[in-house]
Amino acid sequence: MIPPAAPRVLVVDDDTLVQKLIQEFARSQSLAVVAAGSAEQAYSILEHERPLVAFVDVNLPGMQGDALCRDIRLSDATWDLPVVAMTGCERQETMRRCFVAGADDYLLKPLDQREVVERLRAVSESAGALPPRAPVSRRVLVVTPKKMFGLTVARLLRAAGYQADLAQDCPGAQAAVAASDSAINLVLLDLDTGKEDLRVLLGLVRERNPHVPLVTVAGRPDLQDFAPDLADPPPFDTATELEHVVRQIHRLLLRPGLGLERRTKSRVPFHSVVRFRIFGESEWLAGYGYDLSETGIFVRTLVPLPVNKPVEVSFKLNEEDETLSAKGLVIWSNAVHRRSVITYPFGMGIAFAEFPVAEWAAVREFVLARSRK
């Protein structure tokens, strides 16, 4: 029997069978379930309680699941709530929608008990843990017209102990600079904001801090006509590289003078089911590709494998393609816990160690083609 004070799991799905199924899985972990049949019902629940995790069906009546996920990320009360999207669809575009909206993981229906229980166990074990905080307070100016991206980055920075000023355009950023006597320690600049006022803005910031570091982002970094000051290294992609952005900011603010970190191989957006397992074991697990390069893949999942584990992975570059298989090594792993600028996002980076030549060539051609789009 589940005690009345047991932690609760939010399930948002109009299929009562799915609600009951997750309820059974949750009961095995001494967790309770609160169910909603629509996004509107989920909003009502979230106004009164904070669940451990939300399992959200993509195809809801009325508002869709990815829109609900986006609203969860934009809310001050729930922005760091782990969200697992659920659907019977393996279409890459559906996965992309969910992850761009802020989902942390993605489960295919019919649900597999082991995969659900692993995620429930992960969020339960992390409950109550506090995110690490930066030992110093620095001021970051975030300039982007993208509300979702800007709010997410600003919250991550504030949760880590930084001061974050958010502006949607250059005039707003100039007003933020002029309204405070403290210097800007770093500028995160979205090149999609519009470049006509960028030099004026940078000049104003540099009057107070001549050596202020810049981190740039863009929706289409490969097509940007960069100003000379912003040409090296290339900007991060706002749709797929949030984790690299916030790590770069943290690195520059805590260890000033190191300069910008260069990425050795270009990454491209990649959304597909990725099967993985520890090398030599029989049980395959499921995660979801987020970005891909010639040398490795980033897999989104709430239950990543530990660092230095040798792994096997399999995935499709396109839905109609044959499955590719490779051996690799987990080079970084971030299991679910409270979000911060240091810990976001959840998942693991896998470096390819052994790849059949023909299959590696297909990956390289895929990356090059995506880079040119």
Protein backbone atom coordinates (compact mmCIF):
# COMPACT_ATOMS: atom_id res chain seq x y z
CA MET A 1 0.00 0.00 0.00
CA ILE A 2 1.29 3.43 -0.95
CA PRO A 3 1.55 5.81 2.04
CA PRO A 4 -0.47 9.07 1.73
CA ALA A 5 2.71 11.19 1.78
CA ALA A 6 4.41 9.20 -1.00
CA PRO A 7 6.07 11.28 -3.75
CA ARG A 8 3.83 11.68 -6.77
CA VAL A 9 4.31 11.17 -10.47
CA LEU A 10 2.25 13.19 -12.96
CA VAL A 11 0.87 11.23 -15.94
CA VAL A 12 -0.75 13.31 -18.69
CA ASP A 13 -2.51 10.98 -21.13
CA ASP A 14 -6.12 10.62 -22.26
CA ASP A 15 -5.67 6.84 -22.41
CA THR A 16 -6.73 5.47 -19.01
CA LEU A 17 -4.90 2.20 -19.72
CA VAL A 18 -1.61 4.10 -19.93
CA GLN A 19 -2.45 5.91 -16.69
CA LYS A 20 -3.12 2.61 -14.92
CA LEU A 21 -0.02 0.99 -16.37
CA ILE A 22 2.31 3.72 -15.10
CA GLN A 23 0.46 3.65 -11.79
CA GLU A 24 1.34 -0.05 -11.44
CA PHE A 25 4.97 0.62 -12.31
CA ALA A 26 5.10 3.54 -9.85
CA ARG A 27 3.59 1.44 -7.07
CA SER A 28 6.53 -0.96 -7.35
CA GLN A 29 8.78 1.99 -6.48
CA SER A 30 6.55 3.20 -3.61
CA LEU A 31 5.43 6.18 -5.67
CA ALA A 32 1.92 7.52 -6.18
CA VAL A 33 0.44 8.73 -9.47
CA VAL A 34 -1.75 11.72 -10.17
CA ALA A 35 -3.33 11.54 -13.63
CA ALA A 36 -4.59 14.14 -16.08
CA GLY A 37 -6.39 13.49 -19.34
CA SER A 38 -5.46 16.81 -20.94
CA ALA A 39 -3.01 19.68 -20.72
CA GLU A 40 -5.67 21.82 -19.04
CA GLN A 41 -6.08 19.25 -16.25
CA ALA A 42 -2.30 19.06 -15.89
CA TYR A 43 -2.11 22.85 -15.38
CA SER A 44 -4.63 22.58 -12.55
CA ILE A 45 -2.58 19.87 -10.84
CA LEU A 46 0.70 21.75 -11.22
CA GLU A 47 -0.81 24.83 -9.57
CA HIS A 48 -1.12 22.91 -6.31
CA GLU A 49 1.72 20.39 -6.21
CA ARG A 50 5.19 19.64 -7.48
CA PRO A 51 5.57 16.06 -8.83
CA LEU A 52 8.87 14.22 -9.14
CA VAL A 53 8.50 13.81 -12.89
CA ALA A 54 5.87 14.29 -15.59
CA PHE A 55 5.10 11.65 -18.23
CA VAL A 56 3.37 13.54 -21.05
CA ASP A 57 1.67 12.03 -24.08
CA VAL A 58 2.49 13.94 -27.25
CA ASN A 59 -0.97 13.54 -28.83
CA LEU A 60 -3.36 15.00 -26.27
CA PRO A 61 -6.90 16.26 -26.93
CA GLY A 62 -6.76 20.00 -27.40
CA MET A 63 -3.31 21.36 -26.55
CA GLN A 64 -0.57 18.98 -27.65
CA GLY A 65 2.00 17.47 -25.32
CA ASP A 66 4.98 19.37 -26.71
CA ALA A 67 3.13 22.68 -26.11
CA LEU A 68 2.48 21.62 -22.51
CA CYS A 69 6.16 20.77 -22.11
CA ARG A 70 7.14 24.19 -23.40
CA ASP A 71 4.81 25.88 -20.89
CA ILE A 72 6.31 23.78 -18.09
CA ARG A 73 9.76 25.05 -19.04
CA LEU A 74 8.55 28.67 -19.19
CA SER A 75 6.95 28.59 -15.74
CA ASP A 76 8.91 29.86 -12.73
CA ALA A 77 7.39 27.08 -10.61
CA THR A 78 8.11 24.12 -12.91
CA TRP A 79 10.96 25.11 -15.25
CA ASP A 80 13.27 22.41 -13.83
CA LEU A 81 10.69 19.59 -13.65
CA PRO A 82 11.89 16.44 -15.49
CA VAL A 83 9.57 15.65 -18.42
CA VAL A 84 9.32 12.37 -20.31
CA ALA A 85 7.43 12.59 -23.61
CA MET A 86 5.46 9.52 -24.72
CA THR A 87 4.14 8.52 -28.14
CA GLY A 88 3.75 5.58 -30.44
CA CYS A 89 5.43 7.57 -33.21
CA GLU A 90 9.08 7.08 -34.20
CA ARG A 91 9.08 10.00 -36.63
CA GLN A 92 12.19 12.12 -36.22
CA GLU A 93 10.21 15.34 -36.57
CA THR A 94 8.02 14.37 -33.58
CA MET A 95 11.11 13.72 -31.46
CA ARG A 96 12.63 17.01 -32.55
CA ARG A 97 9.47 18.91 -31.54
CA CYS A 98 9.51 17.35 -28.08
CA PHE A 99 13.18 17.99 -27.35
CA VAL A 100 13.14 21.53 -28.69
CA ALA A 101 10.14 22.13 -26.41
CA GLY A 102 12.25 21.01 -23.45
CA ALA A 103 11.52 17.30 -22.93
CA ASP A 104 14.25 15.37 -21.13
CA ASP A 105 13.44 11.90 -22.40
CA TYR A 106 11.17 10.15 -24.87
CA LEU A 107 9.41 6.78 -24.50
CA LEU A 108 7.81 4.83 -27.30
CA LYS A 109 4.47 3.13 -26.82
CA PRO A 110 3.62 0.41 -26.00
CA LEU A 111 5.55 1.24 -22.82
CA ASP A 112 8.25 -1.11 -21.63
CA GLN A 113 8.05 -1.73 -17.88
CA ARG A 114 11.81 -1.81 -17.39
CA GLU A 115 12.33 1.52 -19.18
CA VAL A 116 9.59 3.25 -17.17
CA VAL A 117 10.78 1.81 -13.84
CA GLU A 118 14.38 2.86 -14.52
CA ARG A 119 13.28 6.44 -15.02
CA LEU A 120 11.05 6.39 -11.95
CA ARG A 121 13.92 5.02 -9.88
CA ALA A 122 16.30 7.69 -11.21
CA VAL A 123 14.04 10.64 -10.36
CA SER A 124 13.14 9.14 -6.99
CA GLU A 125 16.77 8.69 -5.97
CA SER A 126 17.60 12.27 -6.99
CA ALA A 127 14.67 13.86 -5.12
CA GLY A 128 15.72 16.57 -2.69
CA ALA A 129 19.25 16.94 -4.03
CA LEU A 130 20.36 20.54 -4.34
CA PRO A 131 22.11 21.72 -7.53
CA PRO A 132 25.74 22.81 -7.24
CA ARG A 133 26.17 26.58 -7.13
CA ALA A 134 28.88 28.79 -8.50
CA PRO A 135 31.25 30.07 -5.79
CA VAL A 136 31.22 33.58 -7.22
CA SER A 137 28.52 35.96 -8.42
CA ARG A 138 29.00 37.39 -11.89
CA ARG A 139 26.70 39.34 -14.20
CA VAL A 140 25.67 37.91 -17.57
CA LEU A 141 23.80 39.83 -20.27
CA VAL A 142 21.61 37.51 -22.39
CA VAL A 143 20.36 39.06 -25.64
CA THR A 144 17.97 36.90 -27.69
CA PRO A 145 14.54 37.33 -29.32
CA LYS A 146 13.74 33.66 -28.49
CA LYS A 147 11.66 33.67 -25.31
CA MET A 148 12.04 29.94 -24.59
CA PHE A 149 15.80 29.91 -25.06
CA GLY A 150 16.37 33.15 -23.15
CA LEU A 151 14.26 32.21 -20.12
CA THR A 152 15.82 28.75 -19.90
CA VAL A 153 19.38 30.06 -20.03
CA ALA A 154 18.63 32.88 -17.56
CA ARG A 155 17.08 30.46 -15.07
CA LEU A 156 19.99 28.07 -15.32
CA LEU A 157 22.41 30.90 -14.66
CA ARG A 158 20.42 32.27 -11.72
CA ALA A 159 20.07 28.79 -10.20
CA ALA A 160 23.86 28.50 -10.32
CA GLY A 161 24.40 31.80 -8.50
CA TYR A 162 24.92 34.23 -11.37
CA GLN A 163 23.05 37.45 -12.08
CA ALA A 164 21.36 37.24 -15.48
CA ASP A 165 19.89 40.24 -17.34
CA LEU A 166 17.61 39.16 -20.20
CA ALA A 167 16.81 41.38 -23.19
CA GLN A 168 14.95 40.54 -26.42
CA ASP A 169 16.66 43.14 -28.60
CA CYS A 170 19.66 45.46 -28.64
CA PRO A 171 17.79 48.57 -27.36
CA GLY A 172 16.53 46.51 -24.42
CA ALA A 173 20.05 45.26 -23.76
CA GLN A 174 21.45 48.82 -23.86
CA ALA A 175 18.80 49.88 -21.33
CA ALA A 176 19.77 46.98 -19.03
CA VAL A 177 23.43 47.99 -19.20
CA ALA A 178 22.68 51.65 -18.54
CA ALA A 179 20.34 50.89 -15.61
CA SER A 180 23.03 49.25 -13.47
CA ASP A 181 26.35 50.48 -12.12
CA SER A 182 27.91 46.99 -12.13
CA ALA A 183 29.97 45.75 -15.06
CA ILE A 184 28.90 42.97 -17.40
CA ASN A 185 31.14 39.91 -16.96
CA LEU A 186 29.92 37.99 -20.03
CA VAL A 187 27.61 38.60 -22.99
CA LEU A 188 25.53 35.81 -24.53
CA LEU A 189 24.47 37.23 -27.88
CA ASP A 190 21.93 35.70 -30.27
CA LEU A 191 22.97 36.74 -33.77
CA ASP A 192 19.36 36.32 -34.91
CA THR A 193 18.55 39.43 -32.87
CA GLY A 194 19.70 41.62 -35.74
CA LYS A 195 23.21 42.91 -36.33
CA GLU A 196 22.55 46.59 -37.02
CA ASP A 197 22.89 47.59 -33.34
CA LEU A 198 25.40 44.97 -32.22
CA ARG A 199 28.48 47.17 -32.41
CA VAL A 200 26.81 49.94 -30.43
CA LEU A 201 25.79 47.44 -27.76
CA LEU A 202 29.24 45.85 -27.57
CA GLY A 203 30.86 49.26 -27.41
CA LEU A 204 28.66 50.22 -24.46
CA VAL A 205 29.45 46.97 -22.62
CA ARG A 206 33.18 47.29 -23.28
CA GLU A 207 33.30 50.79 -21.85
CA ARG A 208 32.82 49.13 -18.47
CA ASN A 209 34.65 45.87 -19.13
CA PRO A 210 37.08 46.12 -22.07
CA HIS A 211 37.84 42.38 -22.04
CA VAL A 212 34.30 41.04 -21.64
CA PRO A 213 34.04 37.56 -23.20
CA LEU A 214 31.34 36.88 -25.80
CA VAL A 215 29.43 33.66 -26.40
CA THR A 216 27.31 33.71 -29.55
CA VAL A 217 24.32 31.63 -30.59
CA ALA A 218 22.17 31.53 -33.71
CA GLY A 219 19.30 29.59 -35.21
CA ARG A 220 21.26 28.97 -38.42
CA PRO A 221 24.92 29.34 -37.44
CA ASP A 222 26.22 27.98 -40.74
CA LEU A 223 24.53 30.81 -42.69
CA GLN A 224 25.38 33.75 -40.44
CA ASP A 225 27.32 36.68 -41.88
CA PHE A 226 29.44 37.31 -38.80
CA ALA A 227 30.87 40.58 -37.67
CA PRO A 228 34.69 40.28 -37.38
CA ASP A 229 34.49 40.35 -33.58
CA LEU A 230 32.19 37.32 -33.57
CA ALA A 231 33.68 35.15 -36.28
CA ASP A 232 35.70 32.69 -34.19
CA PRO A 233 34.57 30.29 -32.93
CA PRO A 234 31.24 29.82 -34.75
CA PRO A 235 28.02 30.35 -32.80
CA PHE A 236 26.20 27.62 -30.96
CA ASP A 237 22.84 26.40 -32.31
CA THR A 238 19.98 27.63 -30.10
CA ALA A 239 17.82 24.63 -31.00
CA THR A 240 20.23 21.84 -30.10
CA GLU A 241 23.28 23.09 -28.21
CA LEU A 242 21.93 24.54 -24.96
CA GLU A 243 24.10 22.24 -22.86
CA HIS A 244 27.26 23.40 -24.63
CA VAL A 245 26.25 27.05 -24.23
CA VAL A 246 25.76 26.92 -20.48
CA ARG A 247 28.90 24.87 -19.90
CA GLN A 248 30.89 27.39 -21.90
CA ILE A 249 29.45 30.27 -19.86
CA HIS A 250 30.24 28.51 -16.60
CA ARG A 251 33.77 27.73 -17.76
CA LEU A 252 34.51 31.33 -18.78
CA LEU A 253 33.04 32.91 -15.65
CA LEU A 254 34.77 30.62 -13.18
CA ARG A 255 38.11 30.56 -14.98
CA PRO A 256 38.48 33.90 -16.78
CA GLY A 257 41.29 34.26 -19.26
CA LEU A 258 41.10 30.74 -20.64
CA GLY A 259 39.42 31.90 -23.83
CA LEU A 260 36.67 30.22 -25.79
CA GLU A 261 36.54 26.47 -26.00
CA ARG A 262 36.81 25.21 -29.55
CA ARG A 263 34.74 22.33 -30.76
CA THR A 264 36.91 19.97 -32.77
CA LYS A 265 34.10 18.54 -34.93
CA SER A 266 30.90 20.20 -35.99
CA ARG A 267 27.71 18.82 -34.48
CA VAL A 268 24.40 18.69 -36.31
CA PRO A 269 20.86 18.25 -34.98
CA PHE A 270 19.92 14.59 -34.91
CA HIS A 271 16.69 13.16 -33.50
CA SER A 272 16.27 9.42 -33.65
CA VAL A 273 15.84 6.40 -31.41
CA VAL A 274 19.26 5.20 -30.22
CA ARG A 275 19.64 1.72 -28.80
CA PHE A 276 22.59 1.24 -26.49
CA ARG A 277 24.04 -1.34 -24.13
CA ILE A 278 27.22 -2.01 -22.21
CA PHE A 279 29.56 -3.93 -24.50
CA GLY A 280 29.08 -7.67 -24.14
CA GLU A 281 25.75 -7.51 -22.31
CA SER A 282 22.49 -8.77 -23.78
CA GLU A 283 20.03 -6.10 -22.59
CA TRP A 284 19.50 -3.15 -24.93
CA LEU A 285 18.29 0.18 -23.55
CA ALA A 286 16.65 3.03 -25.46
CA GLY A 287 17.69 6.66 -25.60
CA TYR A 288 17.28 9.39 -28.16
CA GLY A 289 19.80 11.13 -30.36
CA TYR A 290 20.10 14.87 -29.92
CA ASP A 291 23.16 15.78 -31.94
CA LEU A 292 25.71 13.91 -34.00
CA SER A 293 29.24 14.40 -35.30
CA GLU A 294 31.77 12.26 -37.18
CA THR A 295 33.31 11.24 -33.89
CA GLY A 296 30.37 10.70 -31.56
CA ILE A 297 26.75 11.07 -30.57
CA PHE A 298 24.89 12.79 -27.74
CA VAL A 299 22.08 10.63 -26.33
CA ARG A 300 19.25 12.19 -24.29
CA THR A 301 18.03 9.96 -21.47
CA LEU A 302 17.28 10.19 -17.75
CA VAL A 303 19.23 6.95 -17.22
CA PRO A 304 22.63 7.33 -18.91
CA LEU A 305 25.44 4.82 -18.48
CA PRO A 306 28.48 5.69 -16.32
CA VAL A 307 31.56 7.39 -17.74
CA ASN A 308 34.25 5.11 -19.24
CA LYS A 309 31.81 2.30 -19.97
CA PRO A 310 32.44 0.60 -23.34
CA VAL A 311 29.16 0.54 -25.25
CA GLU A 312 27.46 -0.58 -28.41
CA VAL A 313 25.00 1.77 -30.13
CA SER A 314 22.62 1.39 -33.04
CA PHE A 315 20.54 4.04 -34.81
CA LYS A 316 19.16 5.16 -38.16
CA LEU A 317 20.29 8.35 -39.85
CA ASN A 318 16.91 8.66 -41.57
CA GLU A 319 13.68 6.79 -40.96
CA GLU A 320 13.94 4.86 -44.23
CA ASP A 321 17.64 3.92 -43.79
CA GLU A 322 19.21 0.71 -42.56
CA THR A 323 20.27 0.57 -38.91
CA LEU A 324 23.90 1.51 -38.26
CA SER A 325 25.91 -0.07 -35.43
CA ALA A 326 29.09 1.09 -33.73
CA LYS A 327 31.18 0.52 -30.63
CA GLY A 328 32.18 3.44 -28.45
CA LEU A 329 32.99 4.82 -25.02
CA VAL A 330 30.88 6.97 -22.68
CA ILE A 331 33.00 10.10 -22.25
CA TRP A 332 30.56 12.11 -20.11
CA SER A 333 27.40 11.21 -18.29
CA ASN A 334 24.81 13.37 -16.57
CA ALA A 335 22.12 11.51 -14.63
CA VAL A 336 18.92 13.23 -13.52
CA HIS A 337 19.13 15.63 -10.59
CA ARG A 338 18.25 19.27 -9.95
CA ARG A 339 19.09 21.39 -12.95
CA SER A 340 21.82 23.99 -12.90
CA VAL A 341 24.19 25.62 -15.32
CA ILE A 342 26.66 22.85 -14.51
CA THR A 343 24.39 19.84 -14.78
CA TYR A 344 22.05 20.51 -17.70
CA PRO A 345 21.09 18.43 -19.70
CA PHE A 346 20.47 14.79 -18.82
CA GLY A 347 22.09 12.20 -21.02
CA MET A 348 25.50 11.01 -22.14
CA GLY A 349 28.13 11.71 -24.75
CA ILE A 350 29.47 8.66 -26.60
CA ALA A 351 32.69 8.77 -28.62
CA PHE A 352 32.83 6.30 -31.49
CA ALA A 353 35.74 3.87 -31.09
CA GLU A 354 35.02 1.26 -33.74
CA PHE A 355 32.81 1.88 -36.76
CA PRO A 356 32.60 -0.14 -40.02
CA VAL A 357 34.11 2.03 -42.73
CA ALA A 358 31.02 2.13 -44.95
CA GLU A 359 28.75 3.04 -42.04
CA TRP A 360 31.13 5.71 -40.74
CA ALA A 361 31.25 7.18 -44.26
CA ALA A 362 27.44 7.40 -44.22
CA VAL A 363 27.58 9.27 -40.88
CA ARG A 364 30.22 11.65 -42.24
CA GLU A 365 28.17 12.35 -45.38
CA PHE A 366 25.06 12.93 -43.23
CA VAL A 367 26.89 15.40 -40.96
CA LEU A 368 28.41 17.29 -43.89
CA ALA A 369 25.04 17.53 -45.66
CA ARG A 370 23.30 18.81 -42.51
CA SER A 371 26.10 21.31 -41.88
CA ARG A 372 25.49 22.89 -45.27
CA LYS A 373 21.72 23.35 -44.74
